[in-house]
N, C-alpha and C. Protein backbone atom coordinates (compact mmCIF):
# COMPACT_ATOMS: atom_id res chain seq x y z
N MET A 1 0.85 -1.18 0.00
CA MET A 1 0.00 0.00 0.00
C MET A 1 0.90 1.24 0.00
N ASN A 2 0.64 2.15 -0.93
CA ASN A 2 1.47 3.35 -0.98
C ASN A 2 0.97 4.39 0.04
N ASP A 3 1.73 5.46 0.18
CA ASP A 3 1.42 6.49 1.19
C ASP A 3 0.04 7.10 0.99
N LYS A 4 -0.30 7.38 -0.26
CA LYS A 4 -1.60 8.02 -0.55
C LYS A 4 -2.75 7.08 -0.20
N ASP A 5 -2.60 5.79 -0.52
CA ASP A 5 -3.63 4.81 -0.17
C ASP A 5 -3.79 4.70 1.34
N LEU A 6 -2.67 4.72 2.05
CA LEU A 6 -2.70 4.67 3.51
C LEU A 6 -3.39 5.92 4.07
N LEU A 7 -3.11 7.06 3.49
CA LEU A 7 -3.76 8.31 3.88
C LEU A 7 -5.28 8.20 3.73
N VAL A 8 -5.71 7.72 2.57
CA VAL A 8 -7.15 7.61 2.30
C VAL A 8 -7.79 6.59 3.24
N LEU A 9 -7.12 5.48 3.50
CA LEU A 9 -7.63 4.47 4.43
C LEU A 9 -7.87 5.08 5.81
N ALA A 10 -6.89 5.79 6.32
CA ALA A 10 -7.00 6.40 7.66
C ALA A 10 -8.06 7.50 7.67
N ALA A 11 -8.10 8.31 6.63
CA ALA A 11 -9.08 9.40 6.57
C ALA A 11 -10.50 8.85 6.48
N LYS A 12 -10.70 7.80 5.70
CA LYS A 12 -12.03 7.19 5.61
C LYS A 12 -12.44 6.60 6.95
N ALA A 13 -11.50 5.97 7.64
CA ALA A 13 -11.80 5.41 8.96
C ALA A 13 -12.24 6.51 9.92
N ALA A 14 -11.53 7.63 9.91
CA ALA A 14 -11.90 8.76 10.76
C ALA A 14 -13.26 9.32 10.36
N ASP A 15 -13.49 9.43 9.07
CA ASP A 15 -14.76 9.95 8.56
C ASP A 15 -15.92 9.03 8.94
N ASP A 16 -15.67 7.73 8.93
CA ASP A 16 -16.71 6.76 9.31
C ASP A 16 -17.20 6.97 10.74
N LYS A 17 -16.34 7.51 11.58
CA LYS A 17 -16.72 7.79 12.97
C LYS A 17 -17.04 9.27 13.18
N ARG A 18 -17.33 9.93 12.08
CA ARG A 18 -17.79 11.32 12.09
C ARG A 18 -16.77 12.32 12.64
N ALA A 19 -15.51 12.09 12.29
CA ALA A 19 -14.48 13.08 12.65
C ALA A 19 -14.85 14.40 11.99
N GLU A 20 -14.61 15.48 12.69
CA GLU A 20 -15.01 16.80 12.19
C GLU A 20 -13.82 17.63 11.74
N ASP A 21 -14.09 18.50 10.76
CA ASP A 21 -13.11 19.46 10.25
C ASP A 21 -11.76 18.81 9.94
N MET A 22 -11.80 17.74 9.15
CA MET A 22 -10.57 17.04 8.82
C MET A 22 -9.71 17.87 7.87
N VAL A 23 -8.44 17.97 8.21
CA VAL A 23 -7.45 18.67 7.40
C VAL A 23 -6.30 17.69 7.19
N VAL A 24 -5.81 17.62 5.95
CA VAL A 24 -4.66 16.77 5.65
C VAL A 24 -3.51 17.66 5.21
N LEU A 25 -2.40 17.56 5.91
CA LEU A 25 -1.21 18.32 5.57
C LEU A 25 -0.22 17.42 4.85
N ASN A 26 0.29 17.89 3.71
CA ASN A 26 1.28 17.15 2.95
C ASN A 26 2.66 17.53 3.49
N MET A 27 3.23 16.64 4.29
CA MET A 27 4.49 16.91 4.98
C MET A 27 5.72 16.40 4.21
N GLN A 28 5.51 15.92 2.98
CA GLN A 28 6.61 15.37 2.19
C GLN A 28 7.68 16.43 1.99
N GLY A 29 8.91 16.07 2.32
CA GLY A 29 10.03 16.99 2.19
C GLY A 29 10.11 18.03 3.29
N ILE A 30 9.16 18.02 4.21
CA ILE A 30 9.13 19.00 5.29
C ILE A 30 9.45 18.36 6.63
N SER A 31 8.88 17.19 6.85
CA SER A 31 9.06 16.49 8.12
C SER A 31 9.63 15.10 7.89
N PRO A 32 10.65 14.74 8.66
CA PRO A 32 11.17 13.37 8.55
C PRO A 32 10.27 12.35 9.25
N ILE A 33 9.29 12.84 9.98
CA ILE A 33 8.42 11.97 10.78
C ILE A 33 7.39 11.25 9.92
N ALA A 34 6.74 11.97 9.01
CA ALA A 34 5.66 11.40 8.22
C ALA A 34 5.49 12.19 6.93
N ASP A 35 4.85 11.56 5.95
CA ASP A 35 4.54 12.24 4.69
C ASP A 35 3.23 13.02 4.78
N TYR A 36 2.31 12.53 5.63
CA TYR A 36 1.01 13.19 5.78
C TYR A 36 0.61 13.25 7.24
N PHE A 37 0.02 14.37 7.63
CA PHE A 37 -0.64 14.51 8.93
C PHE A 37 -2.13 14.65 8.66
N ILE A 38 -2.92 13.88 9.37
CA ILE A 38 -4.37 14.08 9.39
C ILE A 38 -4.69 14.77 10.70
N ILE A 39 -5.42 15.86 10.64
CA ILE A 39 -5.84 16.58 11.84
C ILE A 39 -7.36 16.64 11.82
N CYS A 40 -7.97 16.19 12.91
CA CYS A 40 -9.42 16.22 13.00
C CYS A 40 -9.81 16.29 14.47
N HIS A 41 -11.11 16.36 14.74
CA HIS A 41 -11.53 16.36 16.14
C HIS A 41 -12.86 15.65 16.31
N GLY A 42 -13.09 15.27 17.57
CA GLY A 42 -14.38 14.74 18.00
C GLY A 42 -14.93 15.65 19.07
N ASN A 43 -16.22 15.53 19.32
CA ASN A 43 -16.87 16.42 20.27
C ASN A 43 -16.95 15.86 21.69
N SER A 44 -16.50 14.63 21.87
CA SER A 44 -16.52 14.01 23.20
C SER A 44 -15.34 13.06 23.32
N ASP A 45 -15.02 12.69 24.56
CA ASP A 45 -13.93 11.73 24.77
C ASP A 45 -14.22 10.43 24.03
N LYS A 46 -15.47 9.97 24.12
CA LYS A 46 -15.84 8.71 23.48
C LYS A 46 -15.70 8.78 21.97
N GLN A 47 -16.06 9.90 21.37
CA GLN A 47 -15.92 10.03 19.93
C GLN A 47 -14.44 10.06 19.53
N VAL A 48 -13.63 10.77 20.27
CA VAL A 48 -12.18 10.81 19.99
C VAL A 48 -11.62 9.39 20.03
N GLN A 49 -11.98 8.63 21.05
CA GLN A 49 -11.51 7.25 21.17
C GLN A 49 -12.05 6.37 20.04
N ALA A 50 -13.30 6.58 19.65
CA ALA A 50 -13.89 5.79 18.57
C ALA A 50 -13.16 6.04 17.25
N ILE A 51 -12.80 7.28 16.98
CA ILE A 51 -12.06 7.61 15.76
C ILE A 51 -10.70 6.91 15.77
N ALA A 52 -9.99 7.01 16.88
CA ALA A 52 -8.66 6.37 16.99
C ALA A 52 -8.78 4.86 16.84
N ARG A 53 -9.78 4.28 17.50
CA ARG A 53 -9.99 2.83 17.44
C ARG A 53 -10.27 2.37 16.01
N GLU A 54 -11.07 3.15 15.28
CA GLU A 54 -11.42 2.79 13.91
C GLU A 54 -10.21 2.87 12.98
N ILE A 55 -9.39 3.88 13.15
CA ILE A 55 -8.17 3.97 12.34
C ILE A 55 -7.28 2.76 12.60
N LYS A 56 -7.12 2.41 13.87
CA LYS A 56 -6.30 1.26 14.24
C LYS A 56 -6.88 -0.03 13.67
N ALA A 57 -8.19 -0.20 13.76
CA ALA A 57 -8.84 -1.41 13.26
C ALA A 57 -8.68 -1.55 11.75
N LYS A 58 -8.87 -0.45 11.02
CA LYS A 58 -8.72 -0.48 9.56
C LYS A 58 -7.27 -0.79 9.17
N ALA A 59 -6.33 -0.23 9.90
CA ALA A 59 -4.92 -0.52 9.62
C ALA A 59 -4.66 -2.01 9.80
N HIS A 60 -5.13 -2.58 10.90
CA HIS A 60 -4.91 -4.00 11.16
C HIS A 60 -5.60 -4.87 10.11
N GLU A 61 -6.77 -4.43 9.66
CA GLU A 61 -7.50 -5.16 8.63
C GLU A 61 -6.66 -5.31 7.36
N PHE A 62 -5.84 -4.32 7.08
CA PHE A 62 -4.97 -4.35 5.90
C PHE A 62 -3.53 -4.70 6.25
N GLN A 63 -3.35 -5.28 7.43
CA GLN A 63 -2.05 -5.76 7.92
C GLN A 63 -1.00 -4.64 7.95
N ILE A 64 -1.43 -3.48 8.38
CA ILE A 64 -0.54 -2.33 8.55
C ILE A 64 -0.28 -2.17 10.03
N ASP A 65 0.98 -2.10 10.40
CA ASP A 65 1.32 -1.95 11.81
C ASP A 65 1.07 -0.52 12.28
N VAL A 66 0.40 -0.42 13.41
CA VAL A 66 0.29 0.87 14.08
C VAL A 66 1.55 0.99 14.92
N GLN A 67 2.41 1.93 14.55
CA GLN A 67 3.70 2.03 15.23
C GLN A 67 3.57 2.50 16.66
N ARG A 68 2.58 3.37 16.89
CA ARG A 68 2.27 3.76 18.27
C ARG A 68 0.96 4.53 18.29
N MET A 69 0.34 4.49 19.46
CA MET A 69 -0.86 5.28 19.70
C MET A 69 -0.70 5.89 21.07
N GLU A 70 -0.78 7.19 21.14
CA GLU A 70 -0.58 7.91 22.41
C GLU A 70 -1.80 8.75 22.74
N GLY A 71 -2.07 8.89 24.02
CA GLY A 71 -3.12 9.78 24.49
C GLY A 71 -4.51 9.18 24.48
N PHE A 72 -4.63 7.88 24.20
CA PHE A 72 -5.95 7.27 24.04
C PHE A 72 -6.79 7.36 25.32
N ASP A 73 -6.20 7.02 26.45
CA ASP A 73 -6.97 7.00 27.70
C ASP A 73 -7.48 8.39 28.09
N GLU A 74 -6.67 9.41 27.87
CA GLU A 74 -7.09 10.77 28.22
C GLU A 74 -8.07 11.33 27.20
N ALA A 75 -7.92 10.92 25.95
CA ALA A 75 -8.83 11.31 24.85
C ALA A 75 -8.92 12.82 24.64
N ARG A 76 -7.82 13.52 24.87
CA ARG A 76 -7.79 14.96 24.61
C ARG A 76 -7.05 15.23 23.29
N TRP A 77 -5.96 14.49 23.07
CA TRP A 77 -5.19 14.55 21.82
C TRP A 77 -4.61 13.16 21.63
N VAL A 78 -5.19 12.42 20.71
CA VAL A 78 -4.73 11.06 20.43
C VAL A 78 -3.91 11.11 19.15
N LEU A 79 -2.74 10.51 19.21
CA LEU A 79 -1.86 10.42 18.05
C LEU A 79 -1.83 8.96 17.62
N VAL A 80 -2.15 8.70 16.36
CA VAL A 80 -2.07 7.35 15.80
C VAL A 80 -1.01 7.39 14.70
N ASP A 81 0.09 6.69 14.93
CA ASP A 81 1.24 6.70 14.03
C ASP A 81 1.21 5.46 13.16
N LEU A 82 0.96 5.66 11.86
CA LEU A 82 0.94 4.56 10.90
C LEU A 82 2.21 4.57 10.05
N GLY A 83 3.22 5.26 10.49
CA GLY A 83 4.47 5.36 9.73
C GLY A 83 4.46 6.62 8.90
N ASP A 84 4.12 6.49 7.62
CA ASP A 84 4.13 7.65 6.73
C ASP A 84 2.90 8.54 6.89
N VAL A 85 1.92 8.07 7.65
CA VAL A 85 0.72 8.85 7.95
C VAL A 85 0.54 8.90 9.46
N VAL A 86 0.39 10.10 9.99
CA VAL A 86 0.15 10.27 11.43
C VAL A 86 -1.17 11.02 11.59
N ALA A 87 -2.09 10.42 12.35
CA ALA A 87 -3.38 11.06 12.62
C ALA A 87 -3.34 11.73 13.99
N HIS A 88 -3.73 12.99 14.01
CA HIS A 88 -3.86 13.75 15.26
C HIS A 88 -5.36 13.95 15.48
N ILE A 89 -5.88 13.29 16.50
CA ILE A 89 -7.32 13.35 16.78
C ILE A 89 -7.49 14.10 18.09
N PHE A 90 -8.08 15.25 17.99
CA PHE A 90 -8.24 16.12 19.15
C PHE A 90 -9.65 16.07 19.69
N HIS A 91 -9.78 16.36 20.97
CA HIS A 91 -11.07 16.76 21.52
C HIS A 91 -11.25 18.20 21.04
N LYS A 92 -12.46 18.57 20.70
CA LYS A 92 -12.72 19.90 20.12
C LYS A 92 -12.05 21.03 20.90
N ASP A 93 -12.13 20.99 22.22
CA ASP A 93 -11.55 22.06 23.04
C ASP A 93 -10.03 22.14 22.90
N GLU A 94 -9.39 21.00 22.79
CA GLU A 94 -7.92 20.96 22.69
C GLU A 94 -7.43 21.40 21.32
N ARG A 95 -8.19 21.10 20.30
CA ARG A 95 -7.75 21.45 18.94
C ARG A 95 -7.54 22.96 18.81
N ASP A 96 -8.46 23.73 19.33
CA ASP A 96 -8.32 25.19 19.26
C ASP A 96 -7.09 25.66 20.03
N HIS A 97 -6.80 24.99 21.13
CA HIS A 97 -5.66 25.38 21.96
C HIS A 97 -4.33 25.13 21.24
N TYR A 98 -4.15 23.93 20.68
CA TYR A 98 -2.87 23.59 20.04
C TYR A 98 -2.75 24.13 18.62
N ASN A 99 -3.85 24.21 17.91
CA ASN A 99 -3.91 24.84 16.59
C ASN A 99 -2.75 24.42 15.67
N LEU A 100 -2.64 23.13 15.42
CA LEU A 100 -1.57 22.62 14.55
C LEU A 100 -1.65 23.20 13.14
N GLU A 101 -2.87 23.50 12.69
CA GLU A 101 -3.01 24.07 11.35
C GLU A 101 -2.26 25.40 11.24
N ARG A 102 -2.29 26.20 12.31
CA ARG A 102 -1.56 27.47 12.30
C ARG A 102 -0.06 27.23 12.39
N LEU A 103 0.33 26.28 13.24
CA LEU A 103 1.74 25.95 13.41
C LEU A 103 2.36 25.52 12.07
N TRP A 104 1.62 24.73 11.32
CA TRP A 104 2.09 24.24 10.02
C TRP A 104 1.38 25.00 8.89
N GLY A 105 1.14 26.28 9.08
CA GLY A 105 0.35 27.07 8.14
C GLY A 105 0.90 27.14 6.73
N ASP A 106 2.22 27.01 6.55
CA ASP A 106 2.82 27.09 5.22
C ASP A 106 2.84 25.76 4.49
N VAL A 107 2.42 24.71 5.16
CA VAL A 107 2.47 23.37 4.57
C VAL A 107 1.27 23.19 3.63
N PRO A 108 1.50 22.62 2.44
CA PRO A 108 0.38 22.42 1.52
C PRO A 108 -0.65 21.44 2.10
N ARG A 109 -1.90 21.73 1.81
CA ARG A 109 -2.99 20.85 2.23
C ARG A 109 -3.35 19.91 1.09
N GLU A 110 -3.72 18.73 1.46
CA GLU A 110 -4.10 17.70 0.50
C GLU A 110 -5.63 17.62 0.48
N ASP A 111 -6.22 17.72 -0.70
CA ASP A 111 -7.67 17.64 -0.81
C ASP A 111 -8.07 16.19 -1.06
N ILE A 112 -8.75 15.60 -0.09
CA ILE A 112 -9.19 14.21 -0.25
C ILE A 112 -10.71 14.10 -0.20
N ALA A 113 -11.40 15.20 -0.41
CA ALA A 113 -12.87 15.21 -0.36
C ALA A 113 -13.46 14.21 -1.34
N GLU A 114 -12.90 14.13 -2.53
CA GLU A 114 -13.42 13.20 -3.54
C GLU A 114 -13.29 11.76 -3.08
N GLU A 115 -12.14 11.43 -2.49
CA GLU A 115 -11.92 10.07 -2.00
C GLU A 115 -12.87 9.72 -0.85
N LEU A 116 -13.31 10.74 -0.12
CA LEU A 116 -14.24 10.52 0.99
C LEU A 116 -15.69 10.59 0.54
N GLY A 117 -15.89 10.85 -0.75
CA GLY A 117 -17.25 10.93 -1.28
C GLY A 117 -17.97 12.20 -0.88
N GLN A 118 -17.22 13.28 -0.72
CA GLN A 118 -17.84 14.55 -0.30
C GLN A 118 -17.85 15.55 -1.44
């Protein structure tokens, strides 16, 4: 599975659990950590956990290793590391506080609306 397919897989999983305001940053050539960041949020702890759980389940379904998942129990900012794709799933209140979109404001955004059927 290539990076773009992995991105779409993770984004669809998040969308299936009604992740809100999803933004995809193309980090290729910018960050050695990942090629893509997915940033989204849920409106409750349970929704944040459900989004993270679904991304992990879809990855395992396609035999993709989740390299790490952090922040799941607290459900304020969950990071799901799939290698070349890292999902940042925030609780709505925390997303505004950390504002990763502003931090990485110069990074190109990837439009995946068509792949999500939007």
